[in-house]
Amino acid sequence: MSDGRKPEPGGWNRIQIEVDDLGGLVETLRKAGLRFRNDIVTGFGGKQILLDDPAGNPIELFEPPSK
């Protein structure tokens, strides 16, 4: 991650939520004060970003590639 954290056993399992507009959702959530672990990552499989829930567990927001 951009803050130097590295994956470690037991701390990187997460649920994935598929969304239609990742950029718009991230903007809305940032304004609401949610904390993200990284910036949006874009690749052949789509876009993703990790945010922390109130207990510090990661949640992946995922936007599949356009068809």
N, C-alpha and C. Protein backbone atom coordinates (compact mmCIF):
# COMPACT_ATOMS: atom_id res chain seq x y z
N MET A 1 0.83 -1.17 0.00
CA MET A 1 0.00 0.00 0.00
C MET A 1 0.88 1.24 0.00
N SER A 2 0.29 2.34 -0.38
CA SER A 2 1.05 3.59 -0.47
C SER A 2 1.56 4.07 0.88
N ASP A 3 0.94 3.61 1.98
CA ASP A 3 1.41 4.03 3.30
C ASP A 3 2.47 3.09 3.88
N GLY A 4 2.91 2.11 3.08
CA GLY A 4 3.97 1.21 3.51
C GLY A 4 3.51 -0.11 4.10
N ARG A 5 2.19 -0.24 4.36
CA ARG A 5 1.71 -1.51 4.91
C ARG A 5 1.86 -2.60 3.87
N LYS A 6 2.18 -3.80 4.34
CA LYS A 6 2.33 -4.96 3.46
C LYS A 6 1.31 -6.02 3.86
N PRO A 7 0.81 -6.81 2.89
CA PRO A 7 -0.12 -7.89 3.25
C PRO A 7 0.51 -8.82 4.28
N GLU A 8 -0.30 -9.25 5.22
CA GLU A 8 0.16 -10.19 6.24
C GLU A 8 -0.96 -11.16 6.55
N PRO A 9 -0.63 -12.36 6.99
CA PRO A 9 -1.66 -13.36 7.28
C PRO A 9 -2.70 -12.83 8.26
N GLY A 10 -3.96 -13.10 7.95
CA GLY A 10 -5.05 -12.73 8.84
C GLY A 10 -5.52 -11.30 8.74
N GLY A 11 -4.84 -10.46 8.00
CA GLY A 11 -5.22 -9.06 7.98
C GLY A 11 -5.64 -8.51 6.64
N TRP A 12 -5.72 -9.34 5.64
CA TRP A 12 -6.03 -8.83 4.31
C TRP A 12 -7.20 -9.54 3.64
N ASN A 13 -7.86 -10.44 4.35
CA ASN A 13 -9.08 -11.02 3.82
C ASN A 13 -10.12 -9.92 3.74
N ARG A 14 -10.95 -9.95 2.72
CA ARG A 14 -11.92 -8.87 2.56
C ARG A 14 -13.11 -9.34 1.75
N ILE A 15 -14.17 -8.58 1.86
CA ILE A 15 -15.31 -8.79 0.97
C ILE A 15 -15.13 -7.84 -0.21
N GLN A 16 -15.80 -8.17 -1.30
CA GLN A 16 -15.73 -7.34 -2.49
C GLN A 16 -17.14 -6.91 -2.84
N ILE A 17 -17.31 -5.63 -3.08
CA ILE A 17 -18.60 -5.08 -3.49
C ILE A 17 -18.44 -4.51 -4.89
N GLU A 18 -19.26 -5.01 -5.81
CA GLU A 18 -19.20 -4.53 -7.20
C GLU A 18 -20.05 -3.28 -7.33
N VAL A 19 -19.48 -2.26 -7.97
CA VAL A 19 -20.17 -0.98 -8.15
C VAL A 19 -20.13 -0.58 -9.62
N ASP A 20 -21.02 0.34 -9.99
CA ASP A 20 -21.09 0.79 -11.39
C ASP A 20 -20.18 1.99 -11.68
N ASP A 21 -19.99 2.87 -10.70
CA ASP A 21 -19.19 4.10 -10.89
C ASP A 21 -18.24 4.25 -9.72
N LEU A 22 -17.10 3.61 -9.80
CA LEU A 22 -16.16 3.60 -8.68
C LEU A 22 -15.66 5.01 -8.36
N GLY A 23 -15.30 5.78 -9.38
CA GLY A 23 -14.78 7.13 -9.15
C GLY A 23 -15.78 8.01 -8.41
N GLY A 24 -17.02 7.97 -8.84
CA GLY A 24 -18.06 8.78 -8.20
C GLY A 24 -18.32 8.35 -6.77
N LEU A 25 -18.35 7.04 -6.54
CA LEU A 25 -18.58 6.52 -5.19
C LEU A 25 -17.44 6.88 -4.26
N VAL A 26 -16.21 6.75 -4.73
CA VAL A 26 -15.05 7.08 -3.90
C VAL A 26 -15.09 8.55 -3.52
N GLU A 27 -15.42 9.41 -4.45
CA GLU A 27 -15.51 10.85 -4.17
C GLU A 27 -16.54 11.11 -3.07
N THR A 28 -17.70 10.49 -3.18
CA THR A 28 -18.76 10.65 -2.19
C THR A 28 -18.33 10.14 -0.83
N LEU A 29 -17.69 8.97 -0.80
CA LEU A 29 -17.26 8.39 0.47
C LEU A 29 -16.13 9.18 1.12
N ARG A 30 -15.22 9.70 0.32
CA ARG A 30 -14.14 10.55 0.88
C ARG A 30 -14.74 11.80 1.53
N LYS A 31 -15.72 12.42 0.88
CA LYS A 31 -16.37 13.60 1.44
C LYS A 31 -17.06 13.28 2.76
N ALA A 32 -17.52 12.03 2.89
CA ALA A 32 -18.19 11.59 4.12
C ALA A 32 -17.19 11.20 5.21
N GLY A 33 -15.89 11.23 4.88
CA GLY A 33 -14.86 10.98 5.88
C GLY A 33 -14.34 9.55 5.95
N LEU A 34 -14.71 8.70 4.99
CA LEU A 34 -14.19 7.33 5.01
C LEU A 34 -12.72 7.32 4.63
N ARG A 35 -12.01 6.33 5.17
CA ARG A 35 -10.56 6.23 4.96
C ARG A 35 -10.25 5.09 4.00
N PHE A 36 -9.45 5.39 2.99
CA PHE A 36 -9.05 4.40 2.00
C PHE A 36 -7.61 3.99 2.23
N ARG A 37 -7.31 2.73 1.91
CA ARG A 37 -5.94 2.22 2.06
C ARG A 37 -5.06 2.60 0.88
N ASN A 38 -5.66 2.87 -0.26
CA ASN A 38 -4.89 3.14 -1.47
C ASN A 38 -5.71 4.01 -2.41
N ASP A 39 -5.16 4.34 -3.54
CA ASP A 39 -5.90 5.03 -4.60
C ASP A 39 -6.49 3.98 -5.52
N ILE A 40 -7.36 4.40 -6.42
CA ILE A 40 -7.97 3.47 -7.37
C ILE A 40 -6.87 2.85 -8.24
N VAL A 41 -6.92 1.53 -8.36
CA VAL A 41 -6.00 0.77 -9.20
C VAL A 41 -6.79 0.31 -10.42
N THR A 42 -6.27 0.59 -11.62
CA THR A 42 -6.95 0.21 -12.85
C THR A 42 -6.10 -0.80 -13.61
N GLY A 43 -6.76 -1.86 -14.07
CA GLY A 43 -6.07 -2.88 -14.84
C GLY A 43 -7.00 -3.50 -15.86
N PHE A 44 -6.56 -4.56 -16.51
CA PHE A 44 -7.37 -5.23 -17.54
C PHE A 44 -8.67 -5.77 -16.95
N GLY A 45 -8.65 -6.17 -15.68
CA GLY A 45 -9.82 -6.76 -15.04
C GLY A 45 -10.79 -5.76 -14.46
N GLY A 46 -10.47 -4.47 -14.51
CA GLY A 46 -11.36 -3.45 -13.97
C GLY A 46 -10.62 -2.51 -13.05
N LYS A 47 -11.38 -1.88 -12.15
CA LYS A 47 -10.83 -0.91 -11.19
C LYS A 47 -11.16 -1.38 -9.79
N GLN A 48 -10.28 -1.07 -8.85
CA GLN A 48 -10.54 -1.43 -7.46
C GLN A 48 -9.89 -0.44 -6.51
N ILE A 49 -10.42 -0.42 -5.29
CA ILE A 49 -9.84 0.37 -4.20
C ILE A 49 -10.22 -0.31 -2.89
N LEU A 50 -9.39 -0.16 -1.88
CA LEU A 50 -9.67 -0.74 -0.57
C LEU A 50 -9.98 0.38 0.42
N LEU A 51 -11.05 0.18 1.19
CA LEU A 51 -11.35 1.10 2.28
C LEU A 51 -11.44 0.31 3.56
N ASP A 52 -11.30 0.99 4.67
CA ASP A 52 -11.40 0.35 5.98
C ASP A 52 -12.79 0.56 6.57
N ASP A 53 -13.37 -0.53 7.11
CA ASP A 53 -14.62 -0.38 7.85
C ASP A 53 -14.29 0.20 9.23
N PRO A 54 -15.27 0.50 10.06
CA PRO A 54 -14.98 1.13 11.36
C PRO A 54 -14.05 0.31 12.26
N ALA A 55 -13.98 -1.01 12.07
CA ALA A 55 -13.10 -1.86 12.88
C ALA A 55 -11.73 -2.04 12.23
N GLY A 56 -11.49 -1.41 11.07
CA GLY A 56 -10.20 -1.52 10.39
C GLY A 56 -10.10 -2.68 9.42
N ASN A 57 -11.21 -3.37 9.16
CA ASN A 57 -11.21 -4.47 8.19
C ASN A 57 -11.32 -3.92 6.77
N PRO A 58 -10.61 -4.51 5.81
CA PRO A 58 -10.67 -3.99 4.44
C PRO A 58 -11.93 -4.42 3.70
N ILE A 59 -12.44 -3.52 2.89
CA ILE A 59 -13.54 -3.77 1.97
C ILE A 59 -13.06 -3.33 0.60
N GLU A 60 -13.19 -4.22 -0.37
CA GLU A 60 -12.78 -3.88 -1.75
C GLU A 60 -13.99 -3.41 -2.53
N LEU A 61 -13.90 -2.22 -3.10
CA LEU A 61 -14.90 -1.75 -4.03
C LEU A 61 -14.35 -2.01 -5.44
N PHE A 62 -15.16 -2.64 -6.28
CA PHE A 62 -14.69 -3.11 -7.58
C PHE A 62 -15.64 -2.67 -8.68
N GLU A 63 -15.08 -2.12 -9.74
CA GLU A 63 -15.85 -1.80 -10.95
C GLU A 63 -15.30 -2.62 -12.09
N PRO A 64 -16.12 -3.54 -12.65
CA PRO A 64 -15.63 -4.35 -13.77
C PRO A 64 -15.39 -3.49 -15.00
N PRO A 65 -14.61 -4.00 -15.96
CA PRO A 65 -14.36 -3.22 -17.17
C PRO A 65 -15.65 -3.05 -17.97
N SER A 66 -15.71 -1.97 -18.73
CA SER A 66 -16.88 -1.71 -19.59
C SER A 66 -16.95 -2.78 -20.67
N LYS A 67 -18.16 -3.14 -21.04
CA LYS A 67 -18.34 -4.17 -22.08
C LYS A 67 -18.60 -3.53 -23.41
